[in-house]
Amino acid sequence: MTRKFPYAAKALAAAVAMLAPVAAQAQAVTTHDPAGSGPIVAALGWLQGTLLGNVATAVAVMAVAAVGFMMLTGRMNWRFGATVIVGCFVLFGAGAIVTGIQSAAAG
């Protein structure tokens, strides 16, 4: 029997997958970059700035507004609401999460 995930769970999984290169880029900044990786590091830096800047803020505002509208009309799906809140925390706390994992792994 397969379990069908709601759209919000898929969106959260996609956001986590998109943030995976950010973790690799953050690690590459603290260590020596391999030869020829300058354009790749620059592209990942641009992607990080785009995803964590105005784009992320606009998407988060729309998601929270959708949850608020669903609460207002009495059709609130609590699992979707919790997913939106957790997704916002993960999205905007990604830098702190990566820093914490790196410091825990370092010793």
PDB file of N, CA and C in Angstrom:
ATOM      1  N   MET A   1       0.846  -1.175   0.000  1.00  0.00           N
ATOM      2  CA  MET A   1       0.000   0.000   0.000  1.00  0.00           C
ATOM      3  C   MET A   1       0.889   1.236   0.000  1.00  0.00           C
ATOM      4  N   THR A   2       0.677   2.099  -0.932  1.00  0.00           N
ATOM      5  CA  THR A   2       1.483   3.318  -1.007  1.00  0.00           C
ATOM      6  C   THR A   2       0.770   4.444  -0.290  1.00  0.00           C
ATOM      7  N   ARG A   3       1.563   5.278   0.315  1.00  0.00           N
ATOM      8  CA  ARG A   3       1.013   6.426   1.034  1.00  0.00           C
ATOM      9  C   ARG A   3       1.192   7.662   0.175  1.00  0.00           C
ATOM     10  N   LYS A   4       0.136   8.388  -0.026  1.00  0.00           N
ATOM     11  CA  LYS A   4       0.201   9.600  -0.824  1.00  0.00           C
ATOM     12  C   LYS A   4       0.479  10.782   0.092  1.00  0.00           C
ATOM     13  N   PHE A   5       1.551  11.490  -0.214  1.00  0.00           N
ATOM     14  CA  PHE A   5       1.917  12.643   0.585  1.00  0.00           C
ATOM     15  C   PHE A   5       1.188  13.871   0.075  1.00  0.00           C
ATOM     16  N   PRO A   6       0.809  14.761   0.975  1.00  0.00           N
ATOM     17  CA  PRO A   6       0.178  16.001   0.511  1.00  0.00           C
ATOM     18  C   PRO A   6       1.188  16.871  -0.215  1.00  0.00           C
ATOM     19  N   TYR A   7       0.677  17.827  -0.970  1.00  0.00           N
ATOM     20  CA  TYR A   7       1.520  18.707  -1.757  1.00  0.00           C
ATOM     21  C   TYR A   7       2.515  19.463  -0.874  1.00  0.00           C
ATOM     22  N   ALA A   8       2.111  19.827   0.320  1.00  0.00           N
ATOM     23  CA  ALA A   8       2.996  20.594   1.203  1.00  0.00           C
ATOM     24  C   ALA A   8       4.214  19.772   1.596  1.00  0.00           C
ATOM     25  N   ALA A   9       4.043  18.483   1.826  1.00  0.00           N
ATOM     26  CA  ALA A   9       5.180  17.641   2.183  1.00  0.00           C
ATOM     27  C   ALA A   9       6.154  17.530   1.017  1.00  0.00           C
ATOM     28  N   LYS A  10       5.633  17.452  -0.199  1.00  0.00           N
ATOM     29  CA  LYS A  10       6.500  17.405  -1.374  1.00  0.00           C
ATOM     30  C   LYS A  10       7.238  18.721  -1.544  1.00  0.00           C
ATOM     31  N   ALA A  11       6.558  19.822  -1.272  1.00  0.00           N
ATOM     32  CA  ALA A  11       7.202  21.128  -1.382  1.00  0.00           C
ATOM     33  C   ALA A  11       8.307  21.277  -0.341  1.00  0.00           C
ATOM     34  N   LEU A  12       8.070  20.770   0.875  1.00  0.00           N
ATOM     35  CA  LEU A  12       9.097  20.825   1.919  1.00  0.00           C
ATOM     36  C   LEU A  12      10.286  19.970   1.529  1.00  0.00           C
ATOM     37  N   ALA A  13      10.037  18.783   0.970  1.00  0.00           N
ATOM     38  CA  ALA A  13      11.129  17.923   0.532  1.00  0.00           C
ATOM     39  C   ALA A  13      11.928  18.589  -0.583  1.00  0.00           C
ATOM     40  N   ALA A  14      11.245  19.279  -1.493  1.00  0.00           N
ATOM     41  CA  ALA A  14      11.938  19.984  -2.572  1.00  0.00           C
ATOM     42  C   ALA A  14      12.784  21.127  -2.013  1.00  0.00           C
ATOM     43  N   ALA A  15      12.262  21.829  -1.012  1.00  0.00           N
ATOM     44  CA  ALA A  15      13.024  22.928  -0.408  1.00  0.00           C
ATOM     45  C   ALA A  15      14.274  22.406   0.277  1.00  0.00           C
ATOM     46  N   VAL A  16      14.155  21.275   0.969  1.00  0.00           N
ATOM     47  CA  VAL A  16      15.326  20.685   1.624  1.00  0.00           C
ATOM     48  C   VAL A  16      16.335  20.235   0.576  1.00  0.00           C
ATOM     49  N   ALA A  17      15.859  19.659  -0.525  1.00  0.00           N
ATOM     50  CA  ALA A  17      16.769  19.223  -1.587  1.00  0.00           C
ATOM     51  C   ALA A  17      17.473  20.414  -2.223  1.00  0.00           C
ATOM     52  N   MET A  18      16.767  21.528  -2.365  1.00  0.00           N
ATOM     53  CA  MET A  18      17.396  22.715  -2.948  1.00  0.00           C
ATOM     54  C   MET A  18      18.416  23.316  -1.997  1.00  0.00           C
ATOM     55  N   LEU A  19      18.249  23.127  -0.695  1.00  0.00           N
ATOM     56  CA  LEU A  19      19.188  23.696   0.257  1.00  0.00           C
ATOM     57  C   LEU A  19      20.426  22.822   0.426  1.00  0.00           C
ATOM     58  N   ALA A  20      20.416  21.603  -0.079  1.00  0.00           N
ATOM     59  CA  ALA A  20      21.576  20.724   0.036  1.00  0.00           C
ATOM     60  C   ALA A  20      22.813  21.333  -0.627  1.00  0.00           C
ATOM     61  N   PRO A  21      22.723  21.929  -1.825  1.00  0.00           N
ATOM     62  CA  PRO A  21      23.914  22.568  -2.386  1.00  0.00           C
ATOM     63  C   PRO A  21      24.403  23.748  -1.550  1.00  0.00           C
ATOM     64  N   VAL A  22      23.511  24.379  -0.820  1.00  0.00           N
ATOM     65  CA  VAL A  22      23.914  25.485   0.045  1.00  0.00           C
ATOM     66  C   VAL A  22      24.848  24.982   1.128  1.00  0.00           C
ATOM     67  N   ALA A  23      24.559  23.794   1.682  1.00  0.00           N
ATOM     68  CA  ALA A  23      25.428  23.230   2.710  1.00  0.00           C
ATOM     69  C   ALA A  23      26.800  22.922   2.125  1.00  0.00           C
ATOM     70  N   ALA A  24      26.852  22.382   0.916  1.00  0.00           N
ATOM     71  CA  ALA A  24      28.130  22.079   0.285  1.00  0.00           C
ATOM     72  C   ALA A  24      28.891  23.366  -0.020  1.00  0.00           C
ATOM     73  N   GLN A  25      28.178  24.406  -0.441  1.00  0.00           N
ATOM     74  CA  GLN A  25      28.828  25.674  -0.746  1.00  0.00           C
ATOM     75  C   GLN A  25      29.375  26.302   0.519  1.00  0.00           C
ATOM     76  N   ALA A  26      28.637  26.215   1.619  1.00  0.00           N
ATOM     77  CA  ALA A  26      29.105  26.794   2.878  1.00  0.00           C
ATOM     78  C   ALA A  26      30.364  26.073   3.355  1.00  0.00           C
ATOM     79  N   GLN A  27      30.429  24.786   3.137  1.00  0.00           N
ATOM     80  CA  GLN A  27      31.605  24.022   3.525  1.00  0.00           C
ATOM     81  C   GLN A  27      32.788  24.381   2.626  1.00  0.00           C
ATOM     82  N   ALA A  28      32.528  24.599   1.334  1.00  0.00           N
ATOM     83  CA  ALA A  28      33.598  24.912   0.401  1.00  0.00           C
ATOM     84  C   ALA A  28      34.218  26.270   0.707  1.00  0.00           C
ATOM     85  N   VAL A  29      33.452  27.188   1.272  1.00  0.00           N
ATOM     86  CA  VAL A  29      33.984  28.508   1.592  1.00  0.00           C
ATOM     87  C   VAL A  29      34.990  28.424   2.721  1.00  0.00           C
ATOM     88  N   THR A  30      34.765  27.525   3.696  1.00  0.00           N
ATOM     89  CA  THR A  30      35.652  27.434   4.840  1.00  0.00           C
ATOM     90  C   THR A  30      36.897  26.622   4.539  1.00  0.00           C
ATOM     91  N   THR A  31      36.888  25.821   3.465  1.00  0.00           N
ATOM     92  CA  THR A  31      38.049  25.034   3.089  1.00  0.00           C
ATOM     93  C   THR A  31      38.608  25.574   1.781  1.00  0.00           C
ATOM     94  N   HIS A  32      39.638  24.933   1.283  1.00  0.00           N
ATOM     95  CA  HIS A  32      40.256  25.355   0.015  1.00  0.00           C
ATOM     96  C   HIS A  32      39.394  24.897  -1.147  1.00  0.00           C
ATOM     97  N   ASP A  33      39.088  25.804  -2.065  1.00  0.00           N
ATOM     98  CA  ASP A  33      38.288  25.465  -3.244  1.00  0.00           C
ATOM     99  C   ASP A  33      39.159  24.748  -4.263  1.00  0.00           C
ATOM    100  N   PRO A  34      38.633  23.690  -4.885  1.00  0.00           N
ATOM    101  CA  PRO A  34      39.399  23.020  -5.937  1.00  0.00           C
ATOM    102  C   PRO A  34      39.588  23.940  -7.146  1.00  0.00           C
ATOM    103  N   ALA A  35      40.581  23.646  -7.950  1.00  0.00           N
ATOM    104  CA  ALA A  35      40.859  24.452  -9.134  1.00  0.00           C
ATOM    105  C   ALA A  35      39.690  24.399 -10.102  1.00  0.00           C
ATOM    106  N   GLY A  36      39.302  25.542 -10.624  1.00  0.00           N
ATOM    107  CA  GLY A  36      38.215  25.608 -11.591  1.00  0.00           C
ATOM    108  C   GLY A  36      36.826  25.638 -10.999  1.00  0.00           C
ATOM    109  N   SER A  37      36.701  25.710  -9.681  1.00  0.00           N
ATOM    110  CA  SER A  37      35.375  25.691  -9.065  1.00  0.00           C
ATOM    111  C   SER A  37      34.822  27.090  -8.820  1.00  0.00           C
ATOM    112  N   GLY A  38      35.538  28.117  -9.223  1.00  0.00           N
ATOM    113  CA  GLY A  38      35.095  29.489  -8.991  1.00  0.00           C
ATOM    114  C   GLY A  38      33.719  29.801  -9.546  1.00  0.00           C
ATOM    115  N   PRO A  39      33.438  29.462 -10.817  1.00  0.00           N
ATOM    116  CA  PRO A  39      32.101  29.736 -11.354  1.00  0.00           C
ATOM    117  C   PRO A  39      30.998  28.938 -10.657  1.00  0.00           C
ATOM    118  N   ILE A  40      31.318  27.717 -10.247  1.00  0.00           N
ATOM    119  CA  ILE A  40      30.315  26.887  -9.559  1.00  0.00           C
ATOM    120  C   ILE A  40      29.995  27.483  -8.198  1.00  0.00           C
ATOM    121  N   VAL A  41      31.026  27.888  -7.464  1.00  0.00           N
ATOM    122  CA  VAL A  41      30.822  28.495  -6.146  1.00  0.00           C
ATOM    123  C   VAL A  41      30.053  29.802  -6.289  1.00  0.00           C
ATOM    124  N   ALA A  42      30.373  30.574  -7.313  1.00  0.00           N
ATOM    125  CA  ALA A  42      29.661  31.834  -7.541  1.00  0.00           C
ATOM    126  C   ALA A  42      28.197  31.580  -7.876  1.00  0.00           C
ATOM    127  N   ALA A  43      27.927  30.557  -8.701  1.00  0.00           N
ATOM    128  CA  ALA A  43      26.547  30.227  -9.050  1.00  0.00           C
ATOM    129  C   ALA A  43      25.765  29.753  -7.829  1.00  0.00           C
ATOM    130  N   LEU A  44      26.389  28.947  -6.991  1.00  0.00           N
ATOM    131  CA  LEU A  44      25.704  28.487  -5.774  1.00  0.00           C
ATOM    132  C   LEU A  44      25.469  29.640  -4.810  1.00  0.00           C
ATOM    133  N   GLY A  45      26.408  30.579  -4.749  1.00  0.00           N
ATOM    134  CA  GLY A  45      26.204  31.758  -3.913  1.00  0.00           C
ATOM    135  C   GLY A  45      25.037  32.598  -4.404  1.00  0.00           C
ATOM    136  N   TRP A  46      24.930  32.746  -5.735  1.00  0.00           N
ATOM    137  CA  TRP A  46      23.795  33.471  -6.304  1.00  0.00           C
ATOM    138  C   TRP A  46      22.490  32.748  -6.013  1.00  0.00           C
ATOM    139  N   LEU A  47      22.488  31.408  -6.160  1.00  0.00           N
ATOM    140  CA  LEU A  47      21.288  30.623  -5.882  1.00  0.00           C
ATOM    141  C   LEU A  47      20.879  30.756  -4.416  1.00  0.00           C
ATOM    142  N   GLN A  48      21.839  30.714  -3.527  1.00  0.00           N
ATOM    143  CA  GLN A  48      21.546  30.876  -2.102  1.00  0.00           C
ATOM    144  C   GLN A  48      20.958  32.256  -1.829  1.00  0.00           C
ATOM    145  N   GLY A  49      21.546  33.290  -2.394  1.00  0.00           N
ATOM    146  CA  GLY A  49      21.026  34.640  -2.193  1.00  0.00           C
ATOM    147  C   GLY A  49      19.620  34.808  -2.743  1.00  0.00           C
ATOM    148  N   THR A  50      19.355  34.164  -3.881  1.00  0.00           N
ATOM    149  CA  THR A  50      18.028  34.255  -4.489  1.00  0.00           C
ATOM    150  C   THR A  50      16.995  33.509  -3.653  1.00  0.00           C
ATOM    151  N   LEU A  51      17.324  32.283  -3.259  1.00  0.00           N
ATOM    152  CA  LEU A  51      16.357  31.456  -2.533  1.00  0.00           C
ATOM    153  C   LEU A  51      16.112  31.949  -1.112  1.00  0.00           C
ATOM    154  N   LEU A  52      17.090  32.561  -0.503  1.00  0.00           N
ATOM    155  CA  LEU A  52      16.913  33.023   0.879  1.00  0.00           C
ATOM    156  C   LEU A  52      16.609  34.516   0.956  1.00  0.00           C
ATOM    157  N   GLY A  53      16.463  35.172  -0.173  1.00  0.00           N
ATOM    158  CA  GLY A  53      16.183  36.600  -0.190  1.00  0.00           C
ATOM    159  C   GLY A  53      14.717  36.883  -0.421  1.00  0.00           C
ATOM    160  N   ASN A  54      14.438  37.703  -1.409  1.00  0.00           N
ATOM    161  CA  ASN A  54      13.073  38.151  -1.683  1.00  0.00           C
ATOM    162  C   ASN A  54      12.157  37.022  -2.132  1.00  0.00           C
ATOM    163  N   VAL A  55      12.695  36.055  -2.866  1.00  0.00           N
ATOM    164  CA  VAL A  55      11.870  34.943  -3.343  1.00  0.00           C
ATOM    165  C   VAL A  55      11.327  34.138  -2.159  1.00  0.00           C
ATOM    166  N   ALA A  56      12.210  33.785  -1.231  1.00  0.00           N
ATOM    167  CA  ALA A  56      11.781  32.997  -0.075  1.00  0.00           C
ATOM    168  C   ALA A  56      10.800  33.777   0.785  1.00  0.00           C
ATOM    169  N   THR A  57      11.039  35.047   0.956  1.00  0.00           N
ATOM    170  CA  THR A  57      10.131  35.858   1.766  1.00  0.00           C
ATOM    171  C   THR A  57       8.753  35.933   1.133  1.00  0.00           C
ATOM    172  N   ALA A  58       8.703  36.120  -0.179  1.00  0.00           N
ATOM    173  CA  ALA A  58       7.410  36.201  -0.862  1.00  0.00           C
ATOM    174  C   ALA A  58       6.657  34.878  -0.791  1.00  0.00           C
ATOM    175  N   VAL A  59       7.348  33.775  -0.996  1.00  0.00           N
ATOM    176  CA  VAL A  59       6.700  32.458  -0.929  1.00  0.00           C
ATOM    177  C   VAL A  59       6.208  32.172   0.482  1.00  0.00           C
ATOM    178  N   ALA A  60       7.013  32.515   1.486  1.00  0.00           N
ATOM    179  CA  ALA A  60       6.600  32.281   2.871  1.00  0.00           C
ATOM    180  C   ALA A  60       5.380  33.119   3.235  1.00  0.00           C
ATOM    181  N   VAL A  61       5.351  34.358   2.788  1.00  0.00           N
ATOM    182  CA  VAL A  61       4.193  35.216   3.068  1.00  0.00           C
ATOM    183  C   VAL A  61       2.936  34.650   2.422  1.00  0.00           C
ATOM    184  N   MET A  62       3.054  34.187   1.174  1.00  0.00           N
ATOM    185  CA  MET A  62       1.885  33.605   0.507  1.00  0.00           C
ATOM    186  C   MET A  62       1.422  32.315   1.186  1.00  0.00           C
ATOM    187  N   ALA A  63       2.354  31.486   1.642  1.00  0.00           N
ATOM    188  CA  ALA A  63       1.982  30.238   2.315  1.00  0.00           C
ATOM    189  C   ALA A  63       1.281  30.522   3.641  1.00  0.00           C
ATOM    190  N   VAL A  64       1.817  31.458   4.412  1.00  0.00           N
ATOM    191  CA  VAL A  64       1.189  31.796   5.693  1.00  0.00           C
ATOM    192  C   VAL A  64      -0.173  32.449   5.455  1.00  0.00           C
ATOM    193  N   ALA A  65      -0.287  33.271   4.416  1.00  0.00           N
ATOM    194  CA  ALA A  65      -1.577  33.879   4.091  1.00  0.00           C
ATOM    195  C   ALA A  65      -2.591  32.811   3.690  1.00  0.00           C
ATOM    196  N   ALA A  66      -2.162  31.796   2.943  1.00  0.00           N
ATOM    197  CA  ALA A  66      -3.069  30.707   2.562  1.00  0.00           C
ATOM    198  C   ALA A  66      -3.558  29.947   3.784  1.00  0.00           C
ATOM    199  N   VAL A  67      -2.661  29.691   4.733  1.00  0.00           N
ATOM    200  CA  VAL A  67      -3.056  29.012   5.969  1.00  0.00           C
ATOM    201  C   VAL A  67      -4.026  29.887   6.750  1.00  0.00           C
ATOM    202  N   GLY A  68      -3.755  31.186   6.820  1.00  0.00           N
ATOM    203  CA  GLY A  68      -4.663  32.096   7.528  1.00  0.00           C
ATOM    204  C   GLY A  68      -6.035  32.160   6.874  1.00  0.00           C
ATOM    205  N   PHE A  69      -6.065  32.162   5.539  1.00  0.00           N
ATOM    206  CA  PHE A  69      -7.346  32.172   4.845  1.00  0.00           C
ATOM    207  C   PHE A  69      -8.114  30.881   5.097  1.00  0.00           C
ATOM    208  N   MET A  70      -7.408  29.755   5.129  1.00  0.00           N
ATOM    209  CA  MET A  70      -8.068  28.485   5.414  1.00  0.00           C
ATOM    210  C   MET A  70      -8.618  28.467   6.843  1.00  0.00           C
ATOM    211  N   MET A  71      -7.875  29.065   7.776  1.00  0.00           N
ATOM    212  CA  MET A  71      -8.379  29.155   9.154  1.00  0.00           C
ATOM    213  C   MET A  71      -9.606  30.057   9.215  1.00  0.00           C
ATOM    214  N   LEU A  72      -9.583  31.145   8.468  1.00  0.00           N
ATOM    215  CA  LEU A  72     -10.688  32.088   8.460  1.00  0.00           C
ATOM    216  C   LEU A  72     -11.967  31.459   7.924  1.00  0.00           C
ATOM    217  N   THR A  73     -11.842  30.622   6.915  1.00  0.00           N
ATOM    218  CA  THR A  73     -13.016  29.998   6.315  1.00  0.00           C
ATOM    219  C   THR A  73     -13.403  28.691   6.992  1.00  0.00           C
ATOM    220  N   GLY A  74     -12.629  28.248   7.990  1.00  0.00           N
ATOM    221  CA  GLY A  74     -12.976  27.037   8.733  1.00  0.00           C
ATOM    222  C   GLY A  74     -12.609  25.748   8.025  1.00  0.00           C
ATOM    223  N   ARG A  75     -11.721  25.812   7.053  1.00  0.00           N
ATOM    224  CA  ARG A  75     -11.305  24.613   6.330  1.00  0.00           C
ATOM    225  C   ARG A  75      -9.836  24.312   6.588  1.00  0.00           C
ATOM    226  N   MET A  76      -9.392  24.530   7.805  1.00  0.00           N
ATOM    227  CA  MET A  76      -7.975  24.397   8.135  1.00  0.00           C
ATOM    228  C   MET A  76      -7.563  22.932   8.216  1.00  0.00           C
ATOM    229  N   ASN A  77      -6.530  22.585   7.455  1.00  0.00           N
ATOM    230  CA  ASN A  77      -5.903  21.278   7.555  1.00  0.00           C
ATOM    231  C   ASN A  77      -4.683  21.472   8.452  1.00  0.00           C
ATOM    232  N   TRP A  78      -4.715  20.948   9.652  1.00  0.00           N
ATOM    233  CA  TRP A  78      -3.674  21.222  10.639  1.00  0.00           C
ATOM    234  C   TRP A  78      -2.325  20.675  10.217  1.00  0.00           C
ATOM    235  N   ARG A  79      -2.317  19.564   9.497  1.00  0.00           N
ATOM    236  CA  ARG A  79      -1.050  19.018   9.026  1.00  0.00           C
ATOM    237  C   ARG A  79      -0.409  19.979   8.016  1.00  0.00           C
ATOM    238  N   PHE A  80      -1.210  20.556   7.131  1.00  0.00           N
ATOM    239  CA  PHE A  80      -0.696  21.530   6.166  1.00  0.00           C
ATOM    240  C   PHE A  80      -0.179  22.775   6.896  1.00  0.00           C
ATOM    241  N   GLY A  81      -0.913  23.239   7.884  1.00  0.00           N
ATOM    242  CA  GLY A  81      -0.482  24.410   8.645  1.00  0.00           C
ATOM    243  C   GLY A  81       0.837  24.172   9.359  1.00  0.00           C
ATOM    244  N   ALA A  82       0.975  23.010   9.978  1.00  0.00           N
ATOM    245  CA  ALA A  82       2.225  22.683  10.664  1.00  0.00           C
ATOM    246  C   ALA A  82       3.378  22.558   9.675  1.00  0.00           C
ATOM    247  N   THR A  83       3.101  22.004   8.502  1.00  0.00           N
ATOM    248  CA  THR A  83       4.130  21.867   7.482  1.00  0.00           C
ATOM    249  C   THR A  83       4.615  23.234   7.002  1.00  0.00           C
ATOM    250  N   VAL A  84       3.702  24.171   6.851  1.00  0.00           N
ATOM    251  CA  VAL A  84       4.084  25.525   6.430  1.00  0.00           C
ATOM    252  C   VAL A  84       4.963  26.181   7.489  1.00  0.00           C
ATOM    253  N   ILE A  85       4.587  26.061   8.744  1.00  0.00           N
ATOM    254  CA  ILE A  85       5.372  26.674   9.822  1.00  0.00           C
ATOM    255  C   ILE A  85       6.756  26.058   9.920  1.00  0.00           C
ATOM    256  N   VAL A  86       6.828  24.728   9.898  1.00  0.00           N
ATOM    257  CA  VAL A  86       8.128  24.050   9.968  1.00  0.00           C
ATOM    258  C   VAL A  86       8.968  24.404   8.743  1.00  0.00           C
ATOM    259  N   GLY A  87       8.329  24.460   7.579  1.00  0.00           N
ATOM    260  CA  GLY A  87       9.055  24.832   6.364  1.00  0.00           C
ATOM    261  C   GLY A  87       9.653  26.225   6.441  1.00  0.00           C
ATOM    262  N   CYS A  88       8.913  27.173   7.001  1.00  0.00           N
ATOM    263  CA  CYS A  88       9.437  28.537   7.169  1.00  0.00           C
ATOM    264  C   CYS A  88      10.632  28.552   8.114  1.00  0.00           C
ATOM    265  N   PHE A  89      10.539  27.804   9.211  1.00  0.00           N
ATOM    266  CA  PHE A  89      11.668  27.743  10.145  1.00  0.00           C
ATOM    267  C   PHE A  89      12.901  27.133   9.484  1.00  0.00           C
ATOM    268  N   VAL A  90      12.718  26.059   8.726  1.00  0.00           N
ATOM    269  CA  VAL A  90      13.851  25.416   8.067  1.00  0.00           C
ATOM    270  C   VAL A  90      14.430  26.332   6.991  1.00  0.00           C
ATOM    271  N   LEU A  91      13.577  26.973   6.219  1.00  0.00           N
ATOM    272  CA  LEU A  91      14.042  27.834   5.132  1.00  0.00           C
ATOM    273  C   LEU A  91      14.860  29.000   5.653  1.00  0.00           C
ATOM    274  N   PHE A  92      14.327  29.716   6.623  1.00  0.00           N
ATOM    275  CA  PHE A  92      15.023  30.904   7.103  1.00  0.00           C
ATOM    276  C   PHE A  92      16.087  30.592   8.154  1.00  0.00           C
ATOM    277  N   GLY A  93      16.051  29.404   8.715  1.00  0.00           N
ATOM    278  CA  GLY A  93      17.075  29.000   9.686  1.00  0.00           C
ATOM    279  C   GLY A  93      18.132  28.097   9.090  1.00  0.00           C
ATOM    280  N   ALA A  94      18.165  27.979   7.747  1.00  0.00           N
ATOM    281  CA  ALA A  94      19.083  27.047   7.088  1.00  0.00           C
ATOM    282  C   ALA A  94      20.540  27.343   7.430  1.00  0.00           C
ATOM    283  N   GLY A  95      20.913  28.611   7.436  1.00  0.00           N
ATOM    284  CA  GLY A  95      22.298  28.960   7.759  1.00  0.00           C
ATOM    285  C   GLY A  95      22.686  28.537   9.161  1.00  0.00           C
ATOM    286  N   ALA A  96      21.799  28.775  10.122  1.00  0.00           N
ATOM    287  CA  ALA A  96      22.085  28.383  11.502  1.00  0.00           C
ATOM    288  C   ALA A  96      22.105  26.867  11.651  1.00  0.00           C
ATOM    289  N   ILE A  97      21.234  26.175  10.920  1.00  0.00           N
ATOM    290  CA  ILE A  97      21.202  24.712  10.983  1.00  0.00           C
ATOM    291  C   ILE A  97      22.499  24.128  10.449  1.00  0.00           C
ATOM    292  N   VAL A  98      22.973  24.643   9.305  1.00  0.00           N
ATOM    293  CA  VAL A  98      24.224  24.145   8.715  1.00  0.00           C
ATOM    294  C   VAL A  98      25.404  24.455   9.627  1.00  0.00           C
ATOM    295  N   THR A  99      25.443  25.647  10.207  1.00  0.00           N
ATOM    296  CA  THR A  99      26.518  26.011  11.117  1.00  0.00           C
ATOM    297  C   THR A  99      26.540  25.091  12.339  1.00  0.00           C
ATOM    298  N   GLY A 100      25.364  24.785  12.879  1.00  0.00           N
ATOM    299  CA  GLY A 100      25.287  23.871  14.023  1.00  0.00           C
ATOM    300  C   GLY A 100      25.750  22.470  13.679  1.00  0.00           C
ATOM    301  N   ILE A 101      25.379  21.986  12.506  1.00  0.00           N
ATOM    302  CA  ILE A 101      25.816  20.646  12.097  1.00  0.00           C
ATOM    303  C   ILE A 101      27.324  20.619  11.886  1.00  0.00           C
ATOM    304  N   GLN A 102      27.864  21.674  11.276  1.00  0.00           N
ATOM    305  CA  GLN A 102      29.312  21.723  11.062  1.00  0.00           C
ATOM    306  C   GLN A 102      30.075  21.789  12.368  1.00  0.00           C
ATOM    307  N   SER A 103      29.579  22.563  13.328  1.00  0.00           N
ATOM    308  CA  SER A 103      30.296  22.654  14.609  1.00  0.00           C
ATOM    309  C   SER A 103      30.175  21.352  15.392  1.00  0.00           C
ATOM    310  N   ALA A 104      29.062  20.656  15.261  1.00  0.00           N
ATOM    311  CA  ALA A 104      28.915  19.363  15.942  1.00  0.00           C
ATOM    312  C   ALA A 104      29.813  18.318  15.304  1.00  0.00           C
ATOM    313  N   ALA A 105      29.963  18.373  13.986  1.00  0.00           N
ATOM    314  CA  ALA A 105      30.808  17.403  13.296  1.00  0.00           C
ATOM    315  C   ALA A 105      32.292  17.678  13.523  1.00  0.00           C
ATOM    316  N   ALA A 106      32.637  18.949  13.748  1.00  0.00           N
ATOM    317  CA  ALA A 106      34.044  19.305  13.939  1.00  0.00           C
ATOM    318  C   ALA A 106      34.580  18.861  15.300  1.00  0.00           C
ATOM    319  N   GLY A 107      33.704  18.702  16.234  1.00  0.00           N
ATOM    320  CA  GLY A 107      34.290  18.208  17.461  1.00  0.00           C
ATOM    321  C   GLY A 107      33.554  18.556  18.665  1.00  0.00           C
TER     322      GLY A 107
END
